[in-house]
Protein backbone atom coordinates (compact mmCIF):
# COMPACT_ATOMS: atom_id res chain seq x y z
CA MET A 1 33.93 63.80 -10.81
CA ASN A 2 35.64 61.34 -8.52
CA GLU A 3 35.07 57.60 -8.67
CA GLN A 4 32.42 57.71 -5.93
CA SER A 5 30.17 60.29 -7.64
CA ARG A 6 27.57 59.49 -10.28
CA VAL A 7 24.79 61.55 -11.76
CA ILE A 8 21.48 59.76 -12.14
CA GLY A 9 18.25 60.77 -13.78
CA ILE A 10 14.96 60.24 -12.00
CA GLU A 11 11.45 61.36 -12.82
CA LEU A 12 9.68 63.63 -10.35
CA GLY A 13 6.96 61.05 -9.69
CA GLN A 14 9.53 58.38 -8.90
CA LEU A 15 11.37 60.77 -6.57
CA GLU A 16 8.13 61.66 -4.75
CA SER A 17 7.27 57.98 -4.38
CA LEU A 18 10.73 57.17 -3.04
CA LEU A 19 10.66 60.05 -0.54
CA THR A 20 7.16 59.06 0.62
CA LYS A 21 8.37 55.50 1.27
CA ILE A 22 11.38 56.78 3.23
CA VAL A 23 9.30 59.15 5.40
CA THR A 24 6.64 56.48 5.99
CA GLU A 25 9.28 54.00 7.11
CA GLN A 26 10.92 56.58 9.38
CA ASN A 27 7.54 57.33 11.00
CA ARG A 28 6.87 53.59 11.47
CA VAL A 29 10.26 53.10 13.12
CA LEU A 30 9.74 56.15 15.36
CA MET A 31 6.33 54.90 16.51
CA GLU A 32 7.73 51.44 17.25
CA ASP A 33 10.65 52.94 19.19
CA MET A 34 8.29 55.18 21.20
CA LYS A 35 5.94 52.25 21.92
CA GLU A 36 8.84 50.12 23.15
CA MET A 37 10.21 53.01 25.20
CA LEU A 38 6.86 53.69 26.91
CA HIS A 39 6.17 50.05 27.75
CA ARG A 40 9.61 49.08 28.99
CA LYS A 41 9.49 47.64 32.49
CA GLU A 42 12.12 50.06 33.81
CA ASN A 43 11.07 53.08 31.82
CA PRO A 44 13.34 56.09 32.44
CA LEU A 45 10.47 58.26 31.21
CA ASP A 46 8.05 57.31 33.99
CA GLY A 47 8.23 60.80 35.49
CA ASP A 48 5.63 63.50 35.03
CA HIS A 49 7.60 65.30 32.35
CA ILE A 50 9.44 63.85 29.35
CA THR A 51 11.86 66.47 28.08
CA THR A 52 13.28 66.96 24.61
CA LYS A 53 16.64 65.82 25.95
CA GLN A 54 15.11 62.59 27.29
CA LEU A 55 13.37 61.90 23.97
CA MET A 56 16.62 62.55 22.13
CA ALA A 57 18.48 60.07 24.33
CA GLU A 58 15.77 57.40 24.19
CA LEU A 59 15.18 57.63 20.43
CA GLY A 60 18.83 58.21 19.55
CA VAL A 61 18.12 61.34 17.51
CA THR A 62 19.23 64.97 17.53
CA ARG A 63 17.37 68.04 18.77
CA ASN A 64 16.77 69.04 15.13
CA THR A 65 15.13 65.67 14.47
CA ILE A 66 12.78 66.15 17.44
CA GLN A 67 11.93 69.61 16.08
CA ASN A 68 11.29 68.12 12.64
CA TYR A 69 8.99 65.49 14.20
CA ARG A 70 7.10 68.26 15.99
CA ASN A 71 6.77 70.35 12.82
CA ALA A 72 5.62 67.35 10.78
CA GLY A 73 3.04 66.31 13.40
CA THR A 74 4.90 63.05 14.10
CA LEU A 75 5.02 64.09 17.76
CA PRO A 76 2.07 65.71 19.55
CA PRO A 77 2.30 69.39 20.47
CA PRO A 78 4.16 69.64 23.78
CA SER A 79 3.18 71.43 26.94
CA PHE A 80 5.62 74.01 28.29
CA ASP A 81 7.05 74.42 31.77
CA LEU A 82 7.58 77.75 33.55
CA SER A 83 10.94 78.15 31.79
CA ASP A 84 9.16 77.74 28.44
CA ARG A 85 10.82 74.36 27.80
CA PRO A 86 8.69 71.78 25.97
CA TYR A 87 7.74 68.52 27.63
CA TRP A 88 5.37 65.62 27.08
CA THR A 89 3.82 63.06 29.38
CA ALA A 90 3.96 59.32 28.76
CA LYS A 91 0.14 59.31 28.62
CA GLN A 92 0.16 62.10 26.03
CA LEU A 93 2.63 60.22 23.79
CA GLU A 94 0.76 56.95 24.15
CA THR A 95 -2.60 58.59 23.34
CA PHE A 96 -1.05 60.29 20.31
CA MET A 97 0.39 56.99 19.01
CA ASN A 98 -2.97 55.24 19.47
CA GLU A 99 -4.78 58.02 17.60
CA ARG A 100 -2.31 57.82 14.70
CA LYS A 101 -2.71 54.04 14.57
CA ALA A 102 -6.51 54.38 14.51
CA LYS A 103 -6.36 56.99 11.72
CA ARG A 104 -4.26 54.64 9.59
CA ARG A 105 -6.76 51.82 10.11
CA PHE A 106 -9.88 53.93 9.64
CA PRO A 107 -9.03 56.93 7.45
CA ALA A 108 -11.68 59.62 7.22
């Protein structure tokens, strides 16, 4: 082992708790970034279609991260254009964020 490597022991419950905190914080940051992006005065996403590429640029993430958000339900399911490319509308993203916020406040 080099000087930078160390082996640590951690219980499964502690690991699960740590990962849950990390994912929760990432989701909170994503929602805040999306909220800011959608309410910016000069919003580059004011068009009818918000593409994966636009989301990547605005959120500063990779295509794989957008796909992970979609798979995890962090982003709403997209619509698809005639070329079968996914897109979202600003209204769709805003509605999705509001629904997630309401579910956190009033869980079923």
